[in-house]
Amino acid sequence: MAKRNRLSFAEESAKTQRIPEDPPKGFLEPSTLDLIFKELLEVNGKDKFSYISKIDRMYPGWRACKEVTERIKKLSDELDKIMDKAFSIIKLFGYLKHIPSVETIVRNMQKLHRASIFALSEMGVLNTTVFDLILENLLTLNYPASVTAIQKLKLRGNLKFWYVERLRNKVIEYLKSADPRKHLRALDFLIEVSKFMPEIKTPDLEKLLLEMFKTNGNAEIKWRIVRLIGYEYLIDLIGFKIIDKYKNYELLEANFNINGRKPRYLKMVNPSTGEIHVECVPFDILTVKQALSWRIGGLEWNPVELT
């Protein structure tokens, strides 16, 4: 039988731009490694793991060879250029030790996005200097990723009280800024972090939130503050005056001004659960029934009484 004229593995790889399913056994040629790393940079998410597993089956022990290690080191050196793609491969191979420094990650957090803050916790590198560097970027990242990273650090017992204090101070810095976008970002971050780190909310922080609620006319900001400290707490602190009552409803007037007028709120109590809901209503509302009518578009509020 005539012997099949077969291309070398490198030539076949270069021709198809894909790793063949049945490659010949032997040394990984430079062109083969070029293709492997090219595809690793292009493959996303879970596909990276299946791709790596495929190469593992083809070349058992290939990750430990000198050429692969050198390429990983090269990726580390090029971290500034190709960022999260390079980082994901470095992390996948378990070569985090080859990253030149923690500062390299921190310096590029905006480009590395999620990968950077996760990496810092996975590397087990956390000290005051590094944490302060993280905070410089923390709230400018996608906040769910920031929250997850903080939660991971807390679960590992790495977040000592002085780190929580620094985190709180960074949030307060955002809340005191003149940029409403920073207010929203800090409040969203606080809402999520306080679920597993209630100690981040101190009397001083709640006092600041209360002052923001009184003076800030942005409805989105007010709604977030309510989620953080609750209307019951606000009502107790601010001292709302009841100007009308009807069954499970109260029309309240605050003792502070917004644009020269005292805001009014309709307080509703669910008779089944006792849950309280409070909603801001127009300044000219005088009675509970007017407020209820306003809530349904100005129609007459006349619910069916169940007997």
C-alpha atoms as a PDB file:
ATOM      1  CA  MET A   1       0.000   0.000   0.000  1.00  0.00           C
ATOM      2  CA  ALA A   2       1.391   3.379  -0.999  1.00  0.00           C
ATOM      3  CA  LYS A   3       2.529   5.463   1.912  1.00  0.00           C
ATOM      4  CA  ARG A   4       0.404   8.574   2.420  1.00  0.00           C
ATOM      5  CA  ASN A   5       2.302  11.783   1.815  1.00  0.00           C
ATOM      6  CA  ARG A   6       1.402  13.624   4.996  1.00  0.00           C
ATOM      7  CA  LEU A   7       2.150  17.249   5.812  1.00  0.00           C
ATOM      8  CA  SER A   8       4.144  17.937   8.937  1.00  0.00           C
ATOM      9  CA  PHE A   9       2.075  18.899  11.976  1.00  0.00           C
ATOM     10  CA  ALA A  10       3.317  22.486  11.781  1.00  0.00           C
ATOM     11  CA  GLU A  11       2.498  22.766   8.054  1.00  0.00           C
ATOM     12  CA  GLU A  12      -0.925  21.211   8.531  1.00  0.00           C
ATOM     13  CA  SER A  13      -1.628  23.513  11.465  1.00  0.00           C
ATOM     14  CA  ALA A  14      -0.528  26.555   9.518  1.00  0.00           C
ATOM     15  CA  LYS A  15      -2.664  25.493   6.560  1.00  0.00           C
ATOM     16  CA  THR A  16      -5.889  24.946   8.536  1.00  0.00           C
ATOM     17  CA  GLN A  17      -5.251  27.526  11.281  1.00  0.00           C
ATOM     18  CA  ARG A  18      -6.652  24.918  13.680  1.00  0.00           C
ATOM     19  CA  ILE A  19      -5.040  22.228  15.799  1.00  0.00           C
ATOM     20  CA  PRO A  20      -5.580  18.875  13.996  1.00  0.00           C
ATOM     21  CA  GLU A  21      -7.648  16.246  15.777  1.00  0.00           C
ATOM     22  CA  ASP A  22      -4.997  13.550  15.277  1.00  0.00           C
ATOM     23  CA  PRO A  23      -1.546  15.153  15.354  1.00  0.00           C
ATOM     24  CA  PRO A  24       1.633  13.089  15.170  1.00  0.00           C
ATOM     25  CA  LYS A  25       3.419  12.520  18.455  1.00  0.00           C
ATOM     26  CA  GLY A  26       6.537  14.487  19.109  1.00  0.00           C
ATOM     27  CA  PHE A  27       8.052  17.802  20.002  1.00  0.00           C
ATOM     28  CA  LEU A  28       5.877  20.927  19.936  1.00  0.00           C
ATOM     29  CA  GLU A  29       7.367  22.987  17.151  1.00  0.00           C
ATOM     30  CA  PRO A  30       7.475  26.781  17.477  1.00  0.00           C
ATOM     31  CA  SER A  31       4.852  27.198  14.755  1.00  0.00           C
ATOM     32  CA  THR A  32       2.560  24.808  16.644  1.00  0.00           C
ATOM     33  CA  LEU A  33       2.948  26.810  19.845  1.00  0.00           C
ATOM     34  CA  ASP A  34       2.264  29.969  17.855  1.00  0.00           C
ATOM     35  CA  LEU A  35      -1.069  28.521  16.774  1.00  0.00           C
ATOM     36  CA  ILE A  36      -1.959  27.237  20.230  1.00  0.00           C
ATOM     37  CA  PHE A  37      -1.389  30.611  21.868  1.00  0.00           C
ATOM     38  CA  LYS A  38      -3.052  32.444  18.987  1.00  0.00           C
ATOM     39  CA  GLU A  39      -6.197  30.392  19.513  1.00  0.00           C
ATOM     40  CA  LEU A  40      -6.007  30.761  23.285  1.00  0.00           C
ATOM     41  CA  LEU A  41      -6.119  34.527  22.849  1.00  0.00           C
ATOM     42  CA  GLU A  42      -9.124  34.247  20.536  1.00  0.00           C
ATOM     43  CA  VAL A  43     -11.170  31.619  22.391  1.00  0.00           C
ATOM     44  CA  ASN A  44     -13.463  33.008  25.061  1.00  0.00           C
ATOM     45  CA  GLY A  45     -14.701  31.861  28.466  1.00  0.00           C
ATOM     46  CA  LYS A  46     -15.343  28.183  29.071  1.00  0.00           C
ATOM     47  CA  ASP A  47     -14.080  27.318  25.583  1.00  0.00           C
ATOM     48  CA  LYS A  48     -10.565  28.014  26.849  1.00  0.00           C
ATOM     49  CA  PHE A  49     -10.807  25.125  29.298  1.00  0.00           C
ATOM     50  CA  SER A  50     -12.058  22.657  26.692  1.00  0.00           C
ATOM     51  CA  TYR A  51      -9.370  23.833  24.292  1.00  0.00           C
ATOM     52  CA  ILE A  52      -6.647  23.399  26.914  1.00  0.00           C
ATOM     53  CA  SER A  53      -8.013  19.935  27.763  1.00  0.00           C
ATOM     54  CA  LYS A  54      -7.773  18.992  24.113  1.00  0.00           C
ATOM     55  CA  ILE A  55      -4.116  20.042  23.972  1.00  0.00           C
ATOM     56  CA  ASP A  56      -3.487  18.174  27.250  1.00  0.00           C
ATOM     57  CA  ARG A  57      -4.737  14.964  25.649  1.00  0.00           C
ATOM     58  CA  MET A  58      -2.603  15.509  22.583  1.00  0.00           C
ATOM     59  CA  TYR A  59       0.541  16.451  24.478  1.00  0.00           C
ATOM     60  CA  PRO A  60       0.537  15.131  28.067  1.00  0.00           C
ATOM     61  CA  GLY A  61       2.767  17.291  30.250  1.00  0.00           C
ATOM     62  CA  TRP A  62       3.146  19.963  27.594  1.00  0.00           C
ATOM     63  CA  ARG A  63       2.388  22.807  30.014  1.00  0.00           C
ATOM     64  CA  ALA A  64       5.600  22.142  31.938  1.00  0.00           C
ATOM     65  CA  CYS A  65       7.914  22.330  28.932  1.00  0.00           C
ATOM     66  CA  LYS A  66      10.379  25.178  28.831  1.00  0.00           C
ATOM     67  CA  GLU A  67       8.976  26.703  25.644  1.00  0.00           C
ATOM     68  CA  VAL A  68       5.482  27.048  27.137  1.00  0.00           C
ATOM     69  CA  THR A  69       6.814  28.636  30.327  1.00  0.00           C
ATOM     70  CA  GLU A  70       8.805  31.125  28.276  1.00  0.00           C
ATOM     71  CA  ARG A  71       5.723  32.081  26.292  1.00  0.00           C
ATOM     72  CA  ILE A  72       3.737  32.610  29.470  1.00  0.00           C
ATOM     73  CA  LYS A  73       6.502  34.867  30.773  1.00  0.00           C
ATOM     74  CA  LYS A  74       6.398  36.747  27.481  1.00  0.00           C
ATOM     75  CA  LEU A  75       2.656  37.242  27.878  1.00  0.00           C
ATOM     76  CA  SER A  76       3.306  38.624  31.356  1.00  0.00           C
ATOM     77  CA  ASP A  77       5.772  41.092  29.885  1.00  0.00           C
ATOM     78  CA  GLU A  78       3.164  42.132  27.302  1.00  0.00           C
ATOM     79  CA  LEU A  79       0.401  42.496  29.868  1.00  0.00           C
ATOM     80  CA  ASP A  80       0.138  46.219  29.214  1.00  0.00           C
ATOM     81  CA  LYS A  81      -0.570  45.582  25.522  1.00  0.00           C
ATOM     82  CA  ILE A  82      -3.076  42.741  25.377  1.00  0.00           C
ATOM     83  CA  MET A  83      -4.394  43.004  28.916  1.00  0.00           C
ATOM     84  CA  ASP A  84      -7.327  40.788  29.876  1.00  0.00           C
ATOM     85  CA  LYS A  85      -6.743  38.199  27.136  1.00  0.00           C
ATOM     86  CA  ALA A  86      -3.163  37.665  28.245  1.00  0.00           C
ATOM     87  CA  PHE A  87      -4.172  37.683  31.879  1.00  0.00           C
ATOM     88  CA  SER A  88      -6.850  35.021  31.380  1.00  0.00           C
ATOM     89  CA  ILE A  89      -4.243  32.678  29.897  1.00  0.00           C
ATOM     90  CA  ILE A  90      -1.725  33.402  32.652  1.00  0.00           C
ATOM     91  CA  LYS A  91      -4.418  32.652  35.227  1.00  0.00           C
ATOM     92  CA  LEU A  92      -5.553  29.515  33.366  1.00  0.00           C
ATOM     93  CA  PHE A  93      -2.059  28.077  33.437  1.00  0.00           C
ATOM     94  CA  GLY A  94      -1.608  28.895  37.098  1.00  0.00           C
ATOM     95  CA  TYR A  95       1.377  31.105  36.336  1.00  0.00           C
ATOM     96  CA  LEU A  96       0.303  34.106  38.373  1.00  0.00           C
ATOM     97  CA  LYS A  97       3.762  34.159  39.914  1.00  0.00           C
ATOM     98  CA  HIS A  98       5.115  35.268  36.557  1.00  0.00           C
ATOM     99  CA  ILE A  99       3.218  38.538  36.630  1.00  0.00           C
ATOM    100  CA  PRO A 100       5.938  41.144  37.247  1.00  0.00           C
ATOM    101  CA  SER A 101       4.190  42.852  40.155  1.00  0.00           C
ATOM    102  CA  VAL A 102       0.867  43.510  41.790  1.00  0.00           C
ATOM    103  CA  GLU A 103       1.281  47.135  40.747  1.00  0.00           C
ATOM    104  CA  THR A 104       1.192  45.990  37.097  1.00  0.00           C
ATOM    105  CA  ILE A 105      -2.338  44.710  37.624  1.00  0.00           C
ATOM    106  CA  VAL A 106      -3.455  47.662  39.702  1.00  0.00           C
ATOM    107  CA  ARG A 107      -2.032  50.136  37.205  1.00  0.00           C
ATOM    108  CA  ASN A 108      -4.111  48.532  34.477  1.00  0.00           C
ATOM    109  CA  MET A 109      -7.309  47.806  36.367  1.00  0.00           C
ATOM    110  CA  GLN A 110      -9.413  49.859  33.976  1.00  0.00           C
ATOM    111  CA  LYS A 111      -8.245  47.675  31.076  1.00  0.00           C
ATOM    112  CA  LEU A 112      -8.192  44.368  32.919  1.00  0.00           C
ATOM    113  CA  HIS A 113     -11.654  44.928  34.388  1.00  0.00           C
ATOM    114  CA  ARG A 114     -12.933  41.888  36.323  1.00  0.00           C
ATOM    115  CA  ALA A 115      -9.751  39.843  35.996  1.00  0.00           C
ATOM    116  CA  SER A 116      -7.594  42.290  37.926  1.00  0.00           C
ATOM    117  CA  ILE A 117      -9.462  42.466  41.214  1.00  0.00           C
ATOM    118  CA  PHE A 118     -10.115  38.733  41.218  1.00  0.00           C
ATOM    119  CA  ALA A 119      -6.420  38.104  40.594  1.00  0.00           C
ATOM    120  CA  LEU A 120      -5.284  40.185  43.528  1.00  0.00           C
ATOM    121  CA  SER A 121      -7.403  38.142  45.914  1.00  0.00           C
ATOM    122  CA  GLU A 122      -6.390  34.850  44.296  1.00  0.00           C
ATOM    123  CA  MET A 123      -2.717  35.773  44.488  1.00  0.00           C
ATOM    124  CA  GLY A 124      -3.186  36.273  48.210  1.00  0.00           C
ATOM    125  CA  VAL A 125      -1.506  39.657  47.939  1.00  0.00           C
ATOM    126  CA  LEU A 126      -3.181  42.131  50.230  1.00  0.00           C
ATOM    127  CA  ASN A 127      -1.531  44.803  52.293  1.00  0.00           C
ATOM    128  CA  THR A 128      -2.352  48.402  53.078  1.00  0.00           C
ATOM    129  CA  THR A 129      -0.484  49.804  50.084  1.00  0.00           C
ATOM    130  CA  VAL A 130      -2.022  47.373  47.620  1.00  0.00           C
ATOM    131  CA  PHE A 131      -5.511  47.834  49.054  1.00  0.00           C
ATOM    132  CA  ASP A 132      -5.230  51.616  48.724  1.00  0.00           C
ATOM    133  CA  LEU A 133      -4.192  51.134  45.099  1.00  0.00           C
ATOM    134  CA  ILE A 134      -7.220  48.920  44.532  1.00  0.00           C
ATOM    135  CA  LEU A 135      -9.491  51.562  46.027  1.00  0.00           C
ATOM    136  CA  GLU A 136      -8.246  54.114  43.519  1.00  0.00           C
ATOM    137  CA  ASN A 137     -10.048  52.100  40.849  1.00  0.00           C
ATOM    138  CA  LEU A 138     -12.590  50.039  42.746  1.00  0.00           C
ATOM    139  CA  LEU A 139     -15.704  52.149  42.281  1.00  0.00           C
ATOM    140  CA  THR A 140     -14.866  53.047  38.688  1.00  0.00           C
ATOM    141  CA  LEU A 141     -15.069  49.380  37.678  1.00  0.00           C
ATOM    142  CA  ASN A 142     -18.254  47.470  37.038  1.00  0.00           C
ATOM    143  CA  TYR A 143     -19.601  47.459  40.591  1.00  0.00           C
ATOM    144  CA  PRO A 144     -20.862  43.815  40.624  1.00  0.00           C
ATOM    145  CA  ALA A 145     -17.282  42.712  39.908  1.00  0.00           C
ATOM    146  CA  SER A 146     -15.993  44.981  42.666  1.00  0.00           C
ATOM    147  CA  VAL A 147     -18.561  43.614  45.109  1.00  0.00           C
ATOM    148  CA  THR A 148     -17.670  40.007  44.264  1.00  0.00           C
ATOM    149  CA  ALA A 149     -13.974  40.685  44.794  1.00  0.00           C
ATOM    150  CA  ILE A 150     -14.599  42.342  48.167  1.00  0.00           C
ATOM    151  CA  GLN A 151     -16.865  39.457  49.191  1.00  0.00           C
ATOM    152  CA  LYS A 152     -14.182  36.927  48.251  1.00  0.00           C
ATOM    153  CA  LEU A 153     -11.578  38.798  50.305  1.00  0.00           C
ATOM    154  CA  LYS A 154     -13.957  38.910  53.281  1.00  0.00           C
ATOM    155  CA  LEU A 155     -14.745  35.183  53.053  1.00  0.00           C
ATOM    156  CA  ARG A 156     -11.025  34.440  53.096  1.00  0.00           C
ATOM    157  CA  GLY A 157     -10.647  36.507  56.240  1.00  0.00           C
ATOM    158  CA  ASN A 158      -8.370  39.011  54.502  1.00  0.00           C
ATOM    159  CA  LEU A 159     -10.494  42.096  55.159  1.00  0.00           C
ATOM    160  CA  LYS A 160      -9.418  43.366  58.562  1.00  0.00           C
ATOM    161  CA  PHE A 161     -11.221  46.284  60.166  1.00  0.00           C
ATOM    162  CA  TRP A 162      -8.730  48.857  58.822  1.00  0.00           C
ATOM    163  CA  TYR A 163      -9.483  47.711  55.249  1.00  0.00           C
ATOM    164  CA  VAL A 164     -13.214  48.098  55.885  1.00  0.00           C
ATOM    165  CA  GLU A 165     -12.495  51.599  57.221  1.00  0.00           C
ATOM    166  CA  ARG A 166     -10.555  52.500  54.070  1.00  0.00           C
ATOM    167  CA  LEU A 167     -13.352  51.098  51.927  1.00  0.00           C
ATOM    168  CA  ARG A 168     -15.930  53.162  53.823  1.00  0.00           C
ATOM    169  CA  ASN A 169     -13.818  56.301  53.450  1.00  0.00           C
ATOM    170  CA  LYS A 170     -13.593  55.776  49.694  1.00  0.00           C
ATOM    171  CA  VAL A 171     -17.381  55.436  49.484  1.00  0.00           C
ATOM    172  CA  ILE A 172     -17.806  58.613  51.564  1.00  0.00           C
ATOM    173  CA  GLU A 173     -15.385  60.416  49.254  1.00  0.00           C
ATOM    174  CA  TYR A 174     -17.636  59.492  46.319  1.00  0.00           C
ATOM    175  CA  LEU A 175     -20.781  60.531  48.181  1.00  0.00           C
ATOM    176  CA  LYS A 176     -19.280  63.945  48.967  1.00  0.00           C
ATOM    177  CA  SER A 177     -18.162  64.606  45.396  1.00  0.00           C
ATOM    178  CA  ALA A 178     -20.004  67.021  43.116  1.00  0.00           C
ATOM    179  CA  ASP A 179     -20.608  64.325  40.498  1.00  0.00           C
ATOM    180  CA  PRO A 180     -24.071  62.659  40.761  1.00  0.00           C
ATOM    181  CA  ARG A 181     -22.739  59.678  38.787  1.00  0.00           C
ATOM    182  CA  LYS A 182     -20.302  59.020  41.616  1.00  0.00           C
ATOM    183  CA  HIS A 183     -23.169  59.256  44.098  1.00  0.00           C
ATOM    184  CA  LEU A 184     -25.128  56.575  42.228  1.00  0.00           C
ATOM    185  CA  ARG A 185     -22.080  54.325  41.849  1.00  0.00           C
ATOM    186  CA  ALA A 186     -21.203  54.575  45.540  1.00  0.00           C
ATOM    187  CA  LEU A 187     -24.798  53.941  46.630  1.00  0.00           C
ATOM    188  CA  ASP A 188     -25.165  50.897  44.354  1.00  0.00           C
ATOM    189  CA  PHE A 189     -21.885  49.566  45.714  1.00  0.00           C
ATOM    190  CA  LEU A 190     -22.993  50.187  49.320  1.00  0.00           C
ATOM    191  CA  ILE A 191     -26.355  48.462  48.823  1.00  0.00           C
ATOM    192  CA  GLU A 192     -24.665  45.244  47.678  1.00  0.00           C
ATOM    193  CA  VAL A 193     -21.662  45.279  50.040  1.00  0.00           C
ATOM    194  CA  SER A 194     -23.802  45.964  53.124  1.00  0.00           C
ATOM    195  CA  LYS A 195     -25.632  42.657  52.510  1.00  0.00           C
ATOM    196  CA  PHE A 196     -22.556  40.704  53.649  1.00  0.00           C
ATOM    197  CA  MET A 197     -20.659  43.497  55.419  1.00  0.00           C
ATOM    198  CA  PRO A 198     -23.173  45.377  57.603  1.00  0.00           C
ATOM    199  CA  GLU A 199     -20.313  46.915  59.574  1.00  0.00           C
ATOM    200  CA  ILE A 200     -19.581  49.213  56.643  1.00  0.00           C
ATOM    201  CA  LYS A 201     -22.628  51.283  57.699  1.00  0.00           C
ATOM    202  CA  THR A 202     -21.661  53.429  60.674  1.00  0.00           C
ATOM    203  CA  PRO A 203     -23.586  56.288  62.361  1.00  0.00           C
ATOM    204  CA  ASP A 204     -21.388  58.822  60.532  1.00  0.00           C
ATOM    205  CA  LEU A 205     -22.161  57.244  57.156  1.00  0.00           C
ATOM    206  CA  GLU A 206     -25.890  57.065  57.920  1.00  0.00           C
ATOM    207  CA  LYS A 207     -25.799  60.721  58.994  1.00  0.00           C
ATOM    208  CA  LEU A 208     -24.270  61.615  55.619  1.00  0.00           C
ATOM    209  CA  LEU A 209     -26.922  59.567  53.791  1.00  0.00           C
ATOM    210  CA  LEU A 210     -29.656  61.294  55.790  1.00  0.00           C
ATOM    211  CA  GLU A 211     -28.268  64.715  54.860  1.00  0.00           C
ATOM    212  CA  MET A 212     -28.148  63.667  51.196  1.00  0.00           C
ATOM    213  CA  PHE A 213     -31.765  62.522  51.395  1.00  0.00           C
ATOM    214  CA  LYS A 214     -32.812  65.916  52.784  1.00  0.00           C
ATOM    215  CA  THR A 215     -30.918  68.099  50.331  1.00  0.00           C
ATOM    216  CA  ASN A 216     -30.621  66.078  47.111  1.00  0.00           C
ATOM    217  CA  GLY A 217     -33.547  66.354  44.714  1.00  0.00           C
ATOM    218  CA  ASN A 218     -32.462  63.414  42.530  1.00  0.00           C
ATOM    219  CA  ALA A 219     -35.171  60.738  42.805  1.00  0.00           C
ATOM    220  CA  GLU A 220     -32.778  57.894  41.927  1.00  0.00           C
ATOM    221  CA  ILE A 221     -30.411  58.913  44.696  1.00  0.00           C
ATOM    222  CA  LYS A 222     -33.262  59.191  47.214  1.00  0.00           C
ATOM    223  CA  TRP A 223     -34.585  55.757  46.246  1.00  0.00           C
ATOM    224  CA  ARG A 224     -31.150  54.191  46.812  1.00  0.00           C
ATOM    225  CA  ILE A 225     -30.779  55.876  50.186  1.00  0.00           C
ATOM    226  CA  VAL A 226     -34.164  54.501  51.203  1.00  0.00           C
ATOM    227  CA  ARG A 227     -32.997  51.006  50.203  1.00  0.00           C
ATOM    228  CA  LEU A 228     -29.925  51.458  52.381  1.00  0.00           C
ATOM    229  CA  ILE A 229     -31.424  52.796  55.598  1.00  0.00           C
ATOM    230  CA  GLY A 230     -35.188  52.297  55.207  1.00  0.00           C
ATOM    231  CA  TYR A 231     -38.083  54.738  55.428  1.00  0.00           C
ATOM    232  CA  GLU A 232     -38.936  53.721  58.986  1.00  0.00           C
ATOM    233  CA  TYR A 233     -35.483  54.878  60.067  1.00  0.00           C
ATOM    234  CA  LEU A 234     -35.814  58.043  57.974  1.00  0.00           C
ATOM    235  CA  ILE A 235     -39.211  58.881  59.438  1.00  0.00           C
ATOM    236  CA  ASP A 236     -37.872  58.499  62.984  1.00  0.00           C
ATOM    237  CA  LEU A 237     -34.820  60.651  62.296  1.00  0.00           C
ATOM    238  CA  ILE A 238     -36.337  63.359  60.130  1.00  0.00           C
ATOM    239  CA  GLY A 239     -39.518  63.766  62.148  1.00  0.00           C
ATOM    240  CA  PHE A 240     -42.277  63.694  59.546  1.00  0.00           C
ATOM    241  CA  LYS A 241     -45.559  65.367  60.503  1.00  0.00           C
ATOM    242  CA  ILE A 242     -48.795  63.437  59.864  1.00  0.00           C
ATOM    243  CA  ILE A 243     -51.193  65.768  58.004  1.00  0.00           C
ATOM    244  CA  ASP A 244     -53.885  63.194  57.153  1.00  0.00           C
ATOM    245  CA  LYS A 245     -54.797  59.580  57.983  1.00  0.00           C
ATOM    246  CA  TYR A 246     -57.119  57.025  56.415  1.00  0.00           C
ATOM    247  CA  LYS A 247     -57.169  53.356  57.412  1.00  0.00           C
ATOM    248  CA  ASN A 248     -53.660  51.954  56.709  1.00  0.00           C
ATOM    249  CA  TYR A 249     -52.493  55.150  55.001  1.00  0.00           C
ATOM    250  CA  GLU A 250     -50.829  58.311  56.288  1.00  0.00           C
ATOM    251  CA  LEU A 251     -49.949  61.484  54.431  1.00  0.00           C
ATOM    252  CA  LEU A 252     -46.674  62.793  55.853  1.00  0.00           C
ATOM    253  CA  GLU A 253     -44.923  66.127  55.533  1.00  0.00           C
ATOM    254  CA  ALA A 254     -41.158  66.359  56.081  1.00  0.00           C
ATOM    255  CA  ASN A 255     -39.623  69.030  58.294  1.00  0.00           C
ATOM    256  CA  PHE A 256     -37.016  69.988  55.672  1.00  0.00           C
ATOM    257  CA  ASN A 257     -37.301  71.954  52.436  1.00  0.00           C
ATOM    258  CA  ILE A 258     -36.560  71.023  48.829  1.00  0.00           C
ATOM    259  CA  ASN A 259     -36.548  74.100  46.592  1.00  0.00           C
ATOM    260  CA  GLY A 260     -38.296  76.051  49.339  1.00  0.00           C
ATOM    261  CA  ARG A 261     -41.152  73.570  49.901  1.00  0.00           C
ATOM    262  CA  LYS A 262     -41.659  70.703  52.323  1.00  0.00           C
ATOM    263  CA  PRO A 263     -41.940  67.367  50.467  1.00  0.00           C
ATOM    264  CA  ARG A 264     -44.895  65.092  51.170  1.00  0.00           C
ATOM    265  CA  TYR A 265     -45.015  61.324  51.279  1.00  0.00           C
ATOM    266  CA  LEU A 266     -47.759  58.724  51.314  1.00  0.00           C
ATOM    267  CA  LYS A 267     -47.051  55.990  53.849  1.00  0.00           C
ATOM    268  CA  MET A 268     -48.812  52.679  53.173  1.00  0.00           C
ATOM    269  CA  VAL A 269     -48.863  49.669  55.489  1.00  0.00           C
ATOM    270  CA  ASN A 270     -49.667  46.228  54.082  1.00  0.00           C
ATOM    271  CA  PRO A 271     -52.271  44.856  56.538  1.00  0.00           C
ATOM    272  CA  SER A 272     -51.238  41.251  55.831  1.00  0.00           C
ATOM    273  CA  THR A 273     -47.468  41.521  56.197  1.00  0.00           C
ATOM    274  CA  GLY A 274     -46.982  44.796  58.049  1.00  0.00           C
ATOM    275  CA  GLU A 275     -44.555  45.879  55.306  1.00  0.00           C
ATOM    276  CA  ILE A 276     -44.262  49.648  54.958  1.00  0.00           C
ATOM    277  CA  HIS A 277     -44.038  51.420  51.614  1.00  0.00           C
ATOM    278  CA  VAL A 278     -43.524  55.177  51.340  1.00  0.00           C
ATOM    279  CA  GLU A 279     -43.880  57.152  48.136  1.00  0.00           C
ATOM    280  CA  CYS A 280     -43.205  60.809  47.401  1.00  0.00           C
ATOM    281  CA  VAL A 281     -46.296  62.713  46.200  1.00  0.00           C
ATOM    282  CA  PRO A 282     -46.767  66.245  44.774  1.00  0.00           C
ATOM    283  CA  PHE A 283     -46.467  69.227  47.130  1.00  0.00           C
ATOM    284  CA  ASP A 284     -50.108  70.257  46.666  1.00  0.00           C
ATOM    285  CA  ILE A 285     -51.583  66.936  47.871  1.00  0.00           C
ATOM    286  CA  LEU A 286     -53.623  67.621  51.029  1.00  0.00           C
ATOM    287  CA  THR A 287     -55.304  64.297  51.855  1.00  0.00           C
ATOM    288  CA  VAL A 288     -54.640  60.567  51.688  1.00  0.00           C
ATOM    289  CA  LYS A 289     -57.460  60.102  49.153  1.00  0.00           C
ATOM    290  CA  GLN A 290     -55.963  62.773  46.893  1.00  0.00           C
ATOM    291  CA  ALA A 291     -52.616  60.972  47.081  1.00  0.00           C
ATOM    292  CA  LEU A 292     -54.223  57.626  46.252  1.00  0.00           C
ATOM    293  CA  SER A 293     -56.079  59.206  43.326  1.00  0.00           C
ATOM    294  CA  TRP A 294     -52.803  60.737  42.086  1.00  0.00           C
ATOM    295  CA  ARG A 295     -51.172  57.281  42.184  1.00  0.00           C
ATOM    296  CA  ILE A 296     -53.761  55.923  39.720  1.00  0.00           C
ATOM    297  CA  GLY A 297     -53.479  58.766  37.238  1.00  0.00           C
ATOM    298  CA  GLY A 298     -55.994  61.182  38.715  1.00  0.00           C
ATOM    299  CA  LEU A 299     -58.939  58.778  38.643  1.00  0.00           C
ATOM    300  CA  GLU A 300     -61.324  58.704  41.562  1.00  0.00           C
ATOM    301  CA  TRP A 301     -59.997  56.347  44.200  1.00  0.00           C
ATOM    302  CA  ASN A 302     -62.929  54.201  45.276  1.00  0.00           C
ATOM    303  CA  PRO A 303     -61.813  50.645  46.115  1.00  0.00           C
ATOM    304  CA  VAL A 304     -64.272  47.822  46.658  1.00  0.00           C
ATOM    305  CA  GLU A 305     -64.733  47.169  50.367  1.00  0.00           C
ATOM    306  CA  LEU A 306     -64.561  43.438  51.136  1.00  0.00           C
ATOM    307  CA  THR A 307     -66.972  42.256  53.824  1.00  0.00           C
END
